[in-house]
Each structure stands twice: as C-alpha cells, then as structure tokens.
Amino acid sequence: MKVSTSAVRTLAAPNEQAERALSALWTRPPGLIGWLCSTNHKDIGRRYVITALIFFVLAGLLAAAMRIQLAFPENHFLGPDLYNQFFTVHGTTMMFLFAVPIMEGLGLYFVPLMVGTRNAAFPRLNAFGYYAFLGGGLLLWGGLLLNAGADAGWFAYTPLSGPVLQHAAVARRDGSERRRRADGPGRRDLSRDRSKGRSAAGAASRGRVR
C-alpha cells in the first residue's frame, strides 16, 4: 500500500522555513561586540558572572589594604577618610556587585535550561539590567579613584551617614588638600632656609661664648 507524502511535505515545508528564519534571527553576531549585544540568557549570565568576579578581585584588594593599615599600631598606610572610603566601597562591592549579581547570573544561565525554555522572559530587559549593574559599579569605583568615594559604610546607617559626620569628613578632606597645596616646593624651601639660618645663628652664638 502506497502512502502519499506530498501532504506531509506541504505541511512540513513552512515549519522548516520558519525554523530557519528564527534560527537566523536568534543567532548572535560573531565577535566581542556580538557577545556584548546578545540577549541570550547564557551570554547575559556569563557577563554577570565574569563582571562580578572582577569586582570581587577589586574588593579583595581593598580588604588587603585595610588589613595592612590595621596590622600595626599608629600605622599611616591609609588616612582616616581614605580608610572610610575603602571600607564603604569594599562592603558595597561584596554585597551588591558580587554576591547578588553572581547568583543572578547563575540563575539566568541555568533556570531556562532546567525548565526547558529557549530563553528567559524579557531578554532585552535582562540585558539592560546587566548594563545598569555595570554602570553603577563603574560610578562607585570612579568616585573612589577620584578621592570622592562613598564613606558612610556599606550599610549607610546613621550617625555615620548623617549630616554632621559627612560635613566633618568633607571639611577634613578639604583641609588636607589645602595643606598639601600649601606644602609645595616653595614652602619646603622656605622652611629649609629657616632651619639653615637658625643653625648658622646658633654656631655664631657658640663662637662668641668661646
């Protein structure tokens, strides 16, 4: 008994064409730019994990600097304002730029695979969320590099984040900057000339006594 397969081919042809069209649409462009622009849940999850690990290493460097400061009494490796900035940026990075994003990245990568879907819901919104996370981290660390980082503790509780201590920290920072500018080469040369003058006057007075 012969069975006609023309109807089967007729029904399957549009599905094959649609599959090829969707496959071309879902395939991301090659290269780094294509990977950064991809809305696939695996690519976004990898971006989250890699970026979170980079922030983890940076936060570890801040932790090492704080431990060096606390290793010896009367240590001047970090000033009080810079120490507060390191402490705040370290805690904020570990909580909000490492711990939470790396779990989100793992979830974005594995959950669609576990439930059998092609991608996560709202893939472009997921991609936007990654770049919002990256931009916030760069702003936080950019302030630290410019000596204007957050210094109220990663929890931002009062009174450390209150107006009194914040104004005092700004005043100390401005005062140290003014002293640094005042202690320029001219100021140091003047103090050196004064010390030489005092030593010469002391030698002359000792000669007169003799």
N, C-alpha and C. Protein backbone atom coordinates (compact mmCIF):
# COMPACT_ATOMS: atom_id res chain seq x y z
N MET A 1 0.84 -1.19 0.00
CA MET A 1 0.00 0.00 0.00
C MET A 1 0.88 1.24 0.00
N LYS A 2 0.68 2.08 -0.95
CA LYS A 2 1.46 3.29 -1.06
C LYS A 2 0.77 4.43 -0.31
N VAL A 3 1.60 5.17 0.44
CA VAL A 3 1.07 6.31 1.20
C VAL A 3 1.67 7.57 0.60
N SER A 4 0.83 8.52 0.28
CA SER A 4 1.30 9.77 -0.31
C SER A 4 1.93 10.64 0.78
N THR A 5 3.12 11.13 0.46
CA THR A 5 3.82 12.00 1.42
C THR A 5 3.83 13.45 0.99
N SER A 6 3.09 13.75 -0.05
CA SER A 6 3.07 15.14 -0.52
C SER A 6 2.43 16.06 0.50
N ALA A 7 1.37 15.59 1.15
CA ALA A 7 0.71 16.43 2.16
C ALA A 7 1.63 16.68 3.35
N VAL A 8 2.40 15.65 3.71
CA VAL A 8 3.33 15.80 4.83
C VAL A 8 4.41 16.82 4.48
N ARG A 9 4.92 16.73 3.24
CA ARG A 9 5.94 17.70 2.82
C ARG A 9 5.36 19.11 2.76
N THR A 10 4.12 19.20 2.33
CA THR A 10 3.50 20.52 2.25
C THR A 10 3.34 21.14 3.64
N LEU A 11 2.99 20.32 4.63
CA LEU A 11 2.84 20.84 5.99
C LEU A 11 4.19 21.12 6.65
N ALA A 12 5.20 20.33 6.31
CA ALA A 12 6.49 20.49 6.97
C ALA A 12 7.30 21.63 6.38
N ALA A 13 7.09 21.95 5.11
CA ALA A 13 7.90 22.97 4.46
C ALA A 13 7.80 24.33 5.14
N PRO A 14 6.59 24.84 5.44
CA PRO A 14 6.53 26.14 6.12
C PRO A 14 7.22 26.12 7.49
N ASN A 15 7.10 25.02 8.22
CA ASN A 15 7.74 24.93 9.53
C ASN A 15 9.26 24.96 9.40
N GLU A 16 9.78 24.30 8.39
CA GLU A 16 11.23 24.33 8.18
C GLU A 16 11.70 25.74 7.80
N GLN A 17 10.93 26.41 6.97
CA GLN A 17 11.29 27.77 6.61
C GLN A 17 11.23 28.69 7.82
N ALA A 18 10.22 28.54 8.64
CA ALA A 18 10.11 29.37 9.85
C ALA A 18 11.25 29.07 10.82
N GLU A 19 11.62 27.79 10.92
CA GLU A 19 12.71 27.44 11.82
C GLU A 19 14.03 28.05 11.36
N ARG A 20 14.26 28.01 10.03
CA ARG A 20 15.48 28.63 9.53
C ARG A 20 15.48 30.14 9.75
N ALA A 21 14.33 30.78 9.54
CA ALA A 21 14.24 32.23 9.76
C ALA A 21 14.45 32.59 11.22
N LEU A 22 13.83 31.82 12.12
CA LEU A 22 14.01 32.10 13.55
C LEU A 22 15.44 31.80 14.00
N SER A 23 16.04 30.76 13.44
CA SER A 23 17.42 30.43 13.79
C SER A 23 18.37 31.56 13.37
N ALA A 24 18.13 32.13 12.18
CA ALA A 24 18.95 33.26 11.74
C ALA A 24 18.71 34.48 12.61
N LEU A 25 17.48 34.64 13.09
CA LEU A 25 17.16 35.79 13.94
C LEU A 25 17.77 35.63 15.32
N TRP A 26 17.77 34.41 15.86
CA TRP A 26 18.26 34.19 17.22
C TRP A 26 19.78 34.07 17.30
N THR A 27 20.44 33.79 16.19
CA THR A 27 21.89 33.63 16.22
C THR A 27 22.54 35.00 16.41
N ARG A 28 23.39 35.11 17.41
CA ARG A 28 24.03 36.40 17.69
C ARG A 28 25.18 36.64 16.72
N PRO A 29 25.49 37.92 16.46
CA PRO A 29 26.64 38.22 15.58
C PRO A 29 27.94 37.72 16.20
N PRO A 30 28.92 37.40 15.38
CA PRO A 30 30.17 36.88 15.93
C PRO A 30 31.01 37.99 16.55
N GLY A 31 31.98 37.58 17.38
CA GLY A 31 32.93 38.52 17.95
C GLY A 31 32.48 39.07 19.29
N LEU A 32 33.35 39.93 19.84
CA LEU A 32 33.09 40.50 21.17
C LEU A 32 31.87 41.41 21.17
N ILE A 33 31.71 42.23 20.12
CA ILE A 33 30.57 43.13 20.05
C ILE A 33 29.27 42.34 20.01
N GLY A 34 29.26 41.27 19.26
CA GLY A 34 28.07 40.43 19.21
C GLY A 34 27.76 39.81 20.55
N TRP A 35 28.80 39.41 21.29
CA TRP A 35 28.59 38.82 22.62
C TRP A 35 28.05 39.86 23.60
N LEU A 36 28.55 41.09 23.51
CA LEU A 36 28.08 42.14 24.40
C LEU A 36 26.66 42.60 24.06
N CYS A 37 26.26 42.47 22.81
CA CYS A 37 24.91 42.88 22.40
C CYS A 37 23.91 41.74 22.47
N SER A 38 24.34 40.56 22.79
CA SER A 38 23.45 39.41 22.78
C SER A 38 22.41 39.50 23.89
N THR A 39 21.21 38.99 23.61
CA THR A 39 20.16 38.90 24.62
C THR A 39 19.88 37.45 25.02
N ASN A 40 20.75 36.55 24.65
CA ASN A 40 20.61 35.16 25.05
C ASN A 40 20.90 35.02 26.54
N HIS A 41 20.15 34.19 27.21
CA HIS A 41 20.29 34.08 28.67
C HIS A 41 21.66 33.54 29.07
N LYS A 42 22.26 32.69 28.25
CA LYS A 42 23.60 32.18 28.58
C LYS A 42 24.64 33.29 28.50
N ASP A 43 24.58 34.10 27.46
CA ASP A 43 25.55 35.20 27.33
C ASP A 43 25.39 36.23 28.46
N ILE A 44 24.15 36.58 28.79
CA ILE A 44 23.94 37.53 29.87
C ILE A 44 24.40 36.95 31.20
N GLY A 45 24.13 35.67 31.43
CA GLY A 45 24.60 35.04 32.66
C GLY A 45 26.11 35.02 32.76
N ARG A 46 26.79 34.74 31.64
CA ARG A 46 28.26 34.77 31.65
C ARG A 46 28.76 36.18 31.94
N ARG A 47 28.13 37.19 31.36
CA ARG A 47 28.57 38.57 31.60
C ARG A 47 28.42 38.93 33.08
N TYR A 48 27.31 38.53 33.68
CA TYR A 48 27.12 38.78 35.11
C TYR A 48 28.22 38.11 35.94
N VAL A 49 28.48 36.86 35.67
CA VAL A 49 29.45 36.11 36.48
C VAL A 49 30.86 36.68 36.31
N ILE A 50 31.27 36.96 35.08
CA ILE A 50 32.62 37.49 34.84
C ILE A 50 32.78 38.86 35.49
N THR A 51 31.80 39.74 35.32
CA THR A 51 31.90 41.08 35.91
C THR A 51 31.89 41.00 37.43
N ALA A 52 31.08 40.14 37.99
CA ALA A 52 31.04 40.00 39.45
C ALA A 52 32.38 39.50 39.98
N LEU A 53 33.02 38.58 39.27
CA LEU A 53 34.33 38.09 39.72
C LEU A 53 35.39 39.19 39.65
N ILE A 54 35.32 40.06 38.65
CA ILE A 54 36.26 41.17 38.57
C ILE A 54 36.07 42.11 39.75
N PHE A 55 34.81 42.43 40.07
CA PHE A 55 34.56 43.27 41.23
C PHE A 55 34.99 42.59 42.53
N PHE A 56 34.89 41.27 42.58
CA PHE A 56 35.34 40.52 43.76
C PHE A 56 36.84 40.68 43.96
N VAL A 57 37.61 40.62 42.88
CA VAL A 57 39.07 40.80 42.99
C VAL A 57 39.39 42.22 43.45
N LEU A 58 38.70 43.21 42.90
CA LEU A 58 38.95 44.60 43.31
C LEU A 58 38.61 44.81 44.77
N ALA A 59 37.50 44.24 45.22
CA ALA A 59 37.14 44.36 46.63
C ALA A 59 38.16 43.65 47.52
N GLY A 60 38.73 42.56 47.04
CA GLY A 60 39.78 41.89 47.81
C GLY A 60 41.02 42.75 47.97
N LEU A 61 41.36 43.53 46.94
CA LEU A 61 42.50 44.45 47.07
C LEU A 61 42.23 45.52 48.13
N LEU A 62 41.00 46.02 48.18
CA LEU A 62 40.67 46.99 49.23
C LEU A 62 40.75 46.35 50.60
N ALA A 63 40.29 45.11 50.72
CA ALA A 63 40.38 44.42 52.00
C ALA A 63 41.83 44.22 52.43
N ALA A 64 42.71 43.91 51.49
CA ALA A 64 44.13 43.76 51.81
C ALA A 64 44.72 45.08 52.28
N ALA A 65 44.34 46.18 51.64
CA ALA A 65 44.84 47.50 52.07
C ALA A 65 44.37 47.84 53.47
N MET A 66 43.14 47.53 53.80
CA MET A 66 42.64 47.80 55.15
C MET A 66 43.34 46.94 56.19
N ARG A 67 43.65 45.71 55.84
CA ARG A 67 44.36 44.85 56.80
C ARG A 67 45.80 45.31 57.00
N ILE A 68 46.41 45.86 55.97
CA ILE A 68 47.75 46.44 56.14
C ILE A 68 47.69 47.62 57.09
N GLN A 69 46.66 48.44 56.96
CA GLN A 69 46.52 49.59 57.85
C GLN A 69 46.34 49.14 59.30
N LEU A 70 45.60 48.06 59.53
CA LEU A 70 45.32 47.60 60.88
C LEU A 70 46.38 46.63 61.40
N ALA A 71 47.42 46.37 60.63
CA ALA A 71 48.42 45.38 61.06
C ALA A 71 49.30 45.91 62.18
N PHE A 72 49.56 47.21 62.21
CA PHE A 72 50.46 47.79 63.21
C PHE A 72 49.78 48.99 63.85
N PRO A 73 50.05 49.22 65.12
CA PRO A 73 49.51 50.44 65.73
C PRO A 73 50.19 51.69 65.19
N GLU A 74 49.47 52.79 65.17
CA GLU A 74 49.96 54.07 64.66
C GLU A 74 50.46 53.95 63.21
N ASN A 75 49.80 53.11 62.44
CA ASN A 75 50.17 52.95 61.04
C ASN A 75 49.51 54.05 60.21
N HIS A 76 50.24 54.58 59.24
CA HIS A 76 49.74 55.66 58.41
C HIS A 76 49.67 55.24 56.94
N PHE A 77 49.42 53.96 56.71
CA PHE A 77 49.28 53.49 55.34
C PHE A 77 48.06 54.09 54.66
N LEU A 78 46.94 54.19 55.41
CA LEU A 78 45.72 54.82 54.92
C LEU A 78 45.30 55.90 55.91
N GLY A 79 44.89 57.05 55.38
CA GLY A 79 44.32 58.08 56.23
C GLY A 79 42.91 57.71 56.67
N PRO A 80 42.37 58.43 57.65
CA PRO A 80 41.03 58.09 58.14
C PRO A 80 39.93 58.20 57.09
N ASP A 81 39.98 59.26 56.27
CA ASP A 81 38.94 59.42 55.24
C ASP A 81 39.08 58.36 54.15
N LEU A 82 40.31 58.09 53.73
CA LEU A 82 40.51 57.07 52.71
C LEU A 82 40.15 55.69 53.23
N TYR A 83 40.42 55.44 54.51
CA TYR A 83 40.03 54.15 55.10
C TYR A 83 38.51 54.00 55.08
N ASN A 84 37.78 55.07 55.43
CA ASN A 84 36.32 55.00 55.38
C ASN A 84 35.82 54.75 53.96
N GLN A 85 36.47 55.36 52.98
CA GLN A 85 36.08 55.11 51.59
C GLN A 85 36.35 53.66 51.20
N PHE A 86 37.52 53.14 51.57
CA PHE A 86 37.85 51.75 51.25
C PHE A 86 36.86 50.80 51.92
N PHE A 87 36.55 51.07 53.17
CA PHE A 87 35.62 50.20 53.91
C PHE A 87 34.24 50.21 53.25
N THR A 88 33.77 51.39 52.87
CA THR A 88 32.44 51.51 52.27
C THR A 88 32.39 50.84 50.90
N VAL A 89 33.36 51.14 50.05
CA VAL A 89 33.35 50.58 48.70
C VAL A 89 33.58 49.08 48.74
N HIS A 90 34.41 48.60 49.67
CA HIS A 90 34.62 47.15 49.80
C HIS A 90 33.32 46.44 50.16
N GLY A 91 32.63 46.93 51.19
CA GLY A 91 31.39 46.27 51.60
C GLY A 91 30.31 46.36 50.54
N THR A 92 30.17 47.53 49.91
CA THR A 92 29.16 47.69 48.86
C THR A 92 29.46 46.78 47.68
N THR A 93 30.72 46.66 47.32
CA THR A 93 31.08 45.80 46.20
C THR A 93 30.80 44.34 46.51
N MET A 94 31.18 43.90 47.70
CA MET A 94 30.99 42.49 48.04
C MET A 94 29.51 42.11 48.10
N MET A 95 28.67 43.01 48.59
CA MET A 95 27.25 42.68 48.72
C MET A 95 26.49 42.89 47.42
N PHE A 96 26.64 44.06 46.81
CA PHE A 96 25.76 44.45 45.71
C PHE A 96 26.40 44.33 44.34
N LEU A 97 27.71 44.16 44.27
CA LEU A 97 28.37 44.00 42.98
C LEU A 97 28.99 42.62 42.80
N PHE A 98 28.96 41.80 43.86
CA PHE A 98 29.48 40.42 43.73
C PHE A 98 28.45 39.38 44.14
N ALA A 99 28.01 39.40 45.41
CA ALA A 99 27.19 38.31 45.93
C ALA A 99 25.84 38.21 45.21
N VAL A 100 25.14 39.33 45.09
CA VAL A 100 23.83 39.30 44.42
C VAL A 100 23.97 39.07 42.91
N PRO A 101 24.84 39.81 42.21
CA PRO A 101 24.91 39.60 40.74
C PRO A 101 25.39 38.22 40.33
N ILE A 102 26.29 37.62 41.09
CA ILE A 102 26.78 36.31 40.65
C ILE A 102 25.69 35.25 40.79
N MET A 103 24.84 35.38 41.83
CA MET A 103 23.72 34.46 41.93
C MET A 103 22.69 34.71 40.83
N GLU A 104 22.49 35.97 40.49
CA GLU A 104 21.58 36.28 39.39
C GLU A 104 22.11 35.74 38.07
N GLY A 105 23.40 35.86 37.86
CA GLY A 105 23.99 35.32 36.64
C GLY A 105 23.84 33.82 36.54
N LEU A 106 24.08 33.12 37.66
CA LEU A 106 23.90 31.67 37.65
C LEU A 106 22.45 31.29 37.41
N GLY A 107 21.54 32.06 38.01
CA GLY A 107 20.12 31.78 37.78
C GLY A 107 19.71 32.00 36.33
N LEU A 108 20.18 33.11 35.74
CA LEU A 108 19.86 33.37 34.33
C LEU A 108 20.42 32.29 33.42
N TYR A 109 21.56 31.74 33.78
CA TYR A 109 22.17 30.73 32.92
C TYR A 109 21.44 29.39 33.04
N PHE A 110 21.14 28.97 34.28
CA PHE A 110 20.68 27.59 34.48
C PHE A 110 19.16 27.42 34.48
N VAL A 111 18.42 28.41 34.97
CA VAL A 111 16.97 28.20 35.12
C VAL A 111 16.27 27.96 33.78
N PRO A 112 16.54 28.74 32.70
CA PRO A 112 15.89 28.39 31.43
C PRO A 112 16.25 26.99 30.93
N LEU A 113 17.47 26.54 31.19
CA LEU A 113 17.84 25.18 30.80
C LEU A 113 17.10 24.15 31.63
N MET A 114 16.88 24.45 32.90
CA MET A 114 16.20 23.49 33.77
C MET A 114 14.72 23.35 33.44
N VAL A 115 14.08 24.44 33.02
CA VAL A 115 12.65 24.37 32.71
C VAL A 115 12.40 24.10 31.22
N GLY A 116 13.45 24.07 30.41
CA GLY A 116 13.32 23.70 29.01
C GLY A 116 12.85 24.80 28.09
N THR A 117 13.16 26.06 28.40
CA THR A 117 12.78 27.16 27.51
C THR A 117 13.98 27.60 26.69
N ARG A 118 13.69 28.28 25.59
CA ARG A 118 14.76 28.75 24.72
C ARG A 118 15.52 29.90 25.35
N ASN A 119 14.79 30.79 26.06
CA ASN A 119 15.41 31.97 26.64
C ASN A 119 14.58 32.39 27.85
N ALA A 120 15.12 33.29 28.64
CA ALA A 120 14.38 33.83 29.77
C ALA A 120 13.37 34.86 29.27
N ALA A 121 12.38 35.14 30.11
CA ALA A 121 11.39 36.15 29.74
C ALA A 121 12.03 37.53 29.72
N PHE A 122 11.56 38.38 28.81
CA PHE A 122 12.05 39.74 28.65
C PHE A 122 13.58 39.78 28.49
N PRO A 123 14.11 39.20 27.42
CA PRO A 123 15.57 39.11 27.27
C PRO A 123 16.24 40.48 27.13
N ARG A 124 15.59 41.44 26.47
CA ARG A 124 16.21 42.76 26.35
C ARG A 124 16.24 43.48 27.70
N LEU A 125 15.22 43.27 28.51
CA LEU A 125 15.23 43.85 29.85
C LEU A 125 16.33 43.22 30.70
N ASN A 126 16.58 41.94 30.52
CA ASN A 126 17.69 41.29 31.23
C ASN A 126 19.03 41.89 30.80
N ALA A 127 19.18 42.13 29.50
CA ALA A 127 20.42 42.75 29.02
C ALA A 127 20.57 44.17 29.57
N PHE A 128 19.48 44.93 29.62
CA PHE A 128 19.53 46.28 30.19
C PHE A 128 19.90 46.23 31.67
N GLY A 129 19.38 45.24 32.39
CA GLY A 129 19.71 45.11 33.80
C GLY A 129 21.19 44.88 34.03
N TYR A 130 21.82 44.11 33.15
CA TYR A 130 23.27 43.91 33.29
C TYR A 130 24.02 45.22 33.13
N TYR A 131 23.66 46.00 32.11
CA TYR A 131 24.41 47.24 31.88
C TYR A 131 24.10 48.29 32.95
N ALA A 132 22.92 48.24 33.56
CA ALA A 132 22.65 49.11 34.70
C ALA A 132 23.54 48.72 35.89
N PHE A 133 23.70 47.42 36.10
CA PHE A 133 24.60 46.93 37.15
C PHE A 133 26.05 47.34 36.88
N LEU A 134 26.49 47.20 35.64
CA LEU A 134 27.85 47.58 35.28
C LEU A 134 28.07 49.09 35.45
N GLY A 135 27.12 49.89 35.01
CA GLY A 135 27.25 51.34 35.14
C GLY A 135 27.29 51.78 36.59
N GLY A 136 26.46 51.19 37.44
CA GLY A 136 26.51 51.53 38.85
C GLY A 136 27.84 51.18 39.49
N GLY A 137 28.39 50.03 39.14
CA GLY A 137 29.70 49.66 39.69
C GLY A 137 30.81 50.58 39.24
N LEU A 138 30.77 50.99 37.97
CA LEU A 138 31.80 51.91 37.48
C LEU A 138 31.68 53.28 38.13
N LEU A 139 30.47 53.75 38.39
CA LEU A 139 30.30 55.03 39.09
C LEU A 139 30.83 54.94 40.52
N LEU A 140 30.56 53.83 41.20
CA LEU A 140 31.04 53.67 42.57
C LEU A 140 32.56 53.68 42.62
N TRP A 141 33.20 52.93 41.74
CA TRP A 141 34.65 52.85 41.75
C TRP A 141 35.29 54.09 41.16
N GLY A 142 34.61 54.76 40.24
CA GLY A 142 35.14 56.01 39.72
C GLY A 142 35.23 57.08 40.80
N GLY A 143 34.22 57.14 41.68
CA GLY A 143 34.30 58.08 42.79
C GLY A 143 35.45 57.77 43.72
N LEU A 144 35.73 56.49 43.96
CA LEU A 144 36.86 56.13 44.81
C LEU A 144 38.18 56.54 44.18
N LEU A 145 38.33 56.35 42.88
CA LEU A 145 39.57 56.72 42.21
C LEU A 145 39.79 58.23 42.20
N LEU A 146 38.71 59.00 42.27
CA LEU A 146 38.81 60.46 42.30
C LEU A 146 38.84 61.01 43.73
N ASN A 147 39.01 60.13 44.71
CA ASN A 147 39.05 60.52 46.13
C ASN A 147 37.74 61.20 46.54
N ALA A 148 36.66 60.79 45.95
CA ALA A 148 35.34 61.32 46.30
C ALA A 148 34.36 60.16 46.49
N GLY A 149 34.88 59.04 46.96
CA GLY A 149 34.05 57.86 47.11
C GLY A 149 33.12 57.94 48.30
N ALA A 150 32.16 57.04 48.30
CA ALA A 150 31.25 56.95 49.44
C ALA A 150 32.02 56.53 50.68
N ASP A 151 31.71 57.16 51.83
CA ASP A 151 32.45 56.86 53.06
C ASP A 151 31.51 56.74 54.25
N ALA A 152 30.27 56.32 54.02
CA ALA A 152 29.29 56.22 55.10
C ALA A 152 29.04 54.78 55.52
N GLY A 153 29.90 53.85 55.12
CA GLY A 153 29.66 52.45 55.41
C GLY A 153 28.74 51.84 54.37
N TRP A 154 28.93 50.55 54.07
CA TRP A 154 28.13 49.95 53.02
C TRP A 154 26.67 49.82 53.43
N PHE A 155 26.38 49.88 54.76
CA PHE A 155 25.01 49.82 55.24
C PHE A 155 24.36 51.19 55.25
N ALA A 156 25.17 52.29 55.22
CA ALA A 156 24.67 53.68 55.17
C ALA A 156 23.77 54.01 56.34
N TYR A 157 24.10 53.48 57.53
CA TYR A 157 23.31 53.79 58.72
C TYR A 157 23.77 55.11 59.33
N THR A 158 22.88 55.77 60.00
CA THR A 158 23.26 56.92 60.83
C THR A 158 23.86 56.39 62.13
N PRO A 159 24.74 57.15 62.80
CA PRO A 159 25.13 58.53 62.50
C PRO A 159 26.27 58.67 61.50
N LEU A 160 26.86 57.53 61.05
CA LEU A 160 27.99 57.64 60.13
C LEU A 160 27.58 58.28 58.82
N SER A 161 26.35 58.06 58.39
CA SER A 161 25.87 58.68 57.16
C SER A 161 25.10 59.96 57.40
N GLY A 162 25.07 60.44 58.66
CA GLY A 162 24.33 61.65 58.98
C GLY A 162 25.04 62.90 58.51
N PRO A 163 24.36 64.04 58.56
CA PRO A 163 24.94 65.28 58.02
C PRO A 163 26.14 65.78 58.80
N VAL A 164 26.17 65.53 60.12
CA VAL A 164 27.27 66.07 60.95
C VAL A 164 28.59 65.42 60.56
N LEU A 165 28.62 64.10 60.53
CA LEU A 165 29.86 63.40 60.21
C LEU A 165 30.23 63.58 58.74
N GLN A 166 29.24 63.67 57.87
CA GLN A 166 29.56 63.87 56.46
C GLN A 166 30.17 65.24 56.22
N HIS A 167 29.64 66.29 56.87
CA HIS A 167 30.23 67.62 56.73
C HIS A 167 31.63 67.65 57.33
N ALA A 168 31.82 66.94 58.45
CA ALA A 168 33.15 66.90 59.05
C ALA A 168 34.15 66.20 58.15
N ALA A 169 33.72 65.12 57.49
CA ALA A 169 34.62 64.41 56.58
C ALA A 169 35.00 65.29 55.39
N VAL A 170 34.03 66.03 54.85
CA VAL A 170 34.32 66.92 53.74
C VAL A 170 35.27 68.03 54.17
N ALA A 171 35.07 68.57 55.38
CA ALA A 171 35.96 69.63 55.88
C ALA A 171 37.37 69.11 56.07
N ARG A 172 37.51 67.89 56.61
CA ARG A 172 38.85 67.31 56.77
C ARG A 172 39.52 67.08 55.43
N ARG A 173 38.75 66.62 54.47
CA ARG A 173 39.31 66.37 53.14
C ARG A 173 39.77 67.66 52.48
N ASP A 174 38.93 68.70 52.61
CA ASP A 174 39.31 69.98 52.03
C ASP A 174 40.52 70.58 52.75
N GLY A 175 40.56 70.43 54.09
CA GLY A 175 41.70 70.96 54.83
C GLY A 175 42.99 70.25 54.48
N SER A 176 42.94 68.91 54.31
CA SER A 176 44.15 68.18 53.94
C SER A 176 44.61 68.56 52.54
N GLU A 177 43.65 68.82 51.63
CA GLU A 177 44.03 69.24 50.28
C GLU A 177 44.68 70.63 50.30
N ARG A 178 44.15 71.54 51.12
CA ARG A 178 44.75 72.86 51.22
C ARG A 178 46.15 72.79 51.82
N ARG A 179 46.33 71.93 52.83
CA ARG A 179 47.67 71.79 53.41
C ARG A 179 48.64 71.18 52.42
N ARG A 180 48.15 70.26 51.61
CA ARG A 180 49.02 69.64 50.60
C ARG A 180 49.46 70.67 49.57
N ARG A 181 48.55 71.55 49.18
CA ARG A 181 48.92 72.59 48.24
C ARG A 181 49.85 73.60 48.87
N ALA A 182 49.63 73.89 50.15
CA ALA A 182 50.49 74.87 50.82
C ALA A 182 51.90 74.33 51.01
N ASP A 183 52.01 73.04 51.24
CA ASP A 183 53.33 72.43 51.44
C ASP A 183 53.97 72.09 50.10
N GLY A 184 54.01 73.06 49.21
CA GLY A 184 54.63 72.86 47.92
C GLY A 184 56.13 73.03 47.99
N PRO A 185 56.82 73.04 46.84
CA PRO A 185 58.28 73.19 46.84
C PRO A 185 58.73 74.50 47.46
N GLY A 186 57.97 75.59 47.22
CA GLY A 186 58.38 76.87 47.79
C GLY A 186 58.31 76.87 49.30
N ARG A 187 57.25 76.25 49.85
CA ARG A 187 57.11 76.18 51.30
C ARG A 187 58.22 75.34 51.92
N ARG A 188 58.56 74.24 51.29
CA ARG A 188 59.62 73.40 51.83
C ARG A 188 60.98 74.09 51.74
N ASP A 189 61.23 74.82 50.63
CA ASP A 189 62.49 75.55 50.51
C ASP A 189 62.59 76.64 51.56
N LEU A 190 61.49 77.32 51.86
CA LEU A 190 61.50 78.36 52.87
C LEU A 190 61.80 77.78 54.24
N SER A 191 61.18 76.64 54.56
CA SER A 191 61.46 76.03 55.86
C SER A 191 62.91 75.56 55.93
N ARG A 192 63.46 75.07 54.82
CA ARG A 192 64.85 74.64 54.81
C ARG A 192 65.78 75.84 55.04
N ASP A 193 65.48 76.98 54.40
CA ASP A 193 66.30 78.18 54.61
C ASP A 193 66.22 78.67 56.04
N ARG A 194 65.03 78.57 56.64
CA ARG A 194 64.91 78.99 58.03
C ARG A 194 65.72 78.10 58.96
N SER A 195 65.71 76.80 58.71
CA SER A 195 66.49 75.89 59.56
C SER A 195 67.98 76.15 59.39
N LYS A 196 68.42 76.45 58.15
CA LYS A 196 69.83 76.77 57.95
C LYS A 196 70.20 78.07 58.68
N GLY A 197 69.29 79.05 58.64
CA GLY A 197 69.55 80.30 59.33
C GLY A 197 69.66 80.10 60.83
N ARG A 198 68.79 79.26 61.40
CA ARG A 198 68.86 79.01 62.84
C ARG A 198 70.16 78.31 63.20
N SER A 199 70.59 77.34 62.39
CA SER A 199 71.84 76.64 62.70
C SER A 199 73.04 77.57 62.59
N ALA A 200 73.03 78.48 61.60
CA ALA A 200 74.14 79.43 61.48
C ALA A 200 74.16 80.40 62.65
N ALA A 201 72.98 80.86 63.09
CA ALA A 201 72.93 81.76 64.24
C ALA A 201 73.39 81.05 65.50
N GLY A 202 73.02 79.78 65.64
CA GLY A 202 73.48 79.03 66.82
C GLY A 202 74.98 78.85 66.82
N ALA A 203 75.56 78.58 65.64
CA ALA A 203 77.03 78.43 65.57
C ALA A 203 77.72 79.73 65.89
N ALA A 204 77.19 80.86 65.43
CA ALA A 204 77.81 82.16 65.72
C ALA A 204 77.74 82.47 67.20
N SER A 205 76.60 82.18 67.83
CA SER A 205 76.50 82.45 69.27
C SER A 205 77.45 81.59 70.07
N ARG A 206 77.65 80.35 69.67
CA ARG A 206 78.60 79.49 70.39
C ARG A 206 80.02 80.02 70.22
N GLY A 207 80.35 80.57 69.02
CA GLY A 207 81.68 81.13 68.82
C GLY A 207 81.91 82.36 69.70
N ARG A 208 80.90 83.19 69.88
CA ARG A 208 81.05 84.35 70.75
C ARG A 208 81.23 83.94 72.20
N VAL A 209 80.54 82.91 72.63
CA VAL A 209 80.70 82.45 74.01
C VAL A 209 82.10 81.97 74.26
N ARG A 210 82.68 81.27 73.29
CA ARG A 210 84.05 80.80 73.48
C ARG A 210 85.04 81.96 73.51
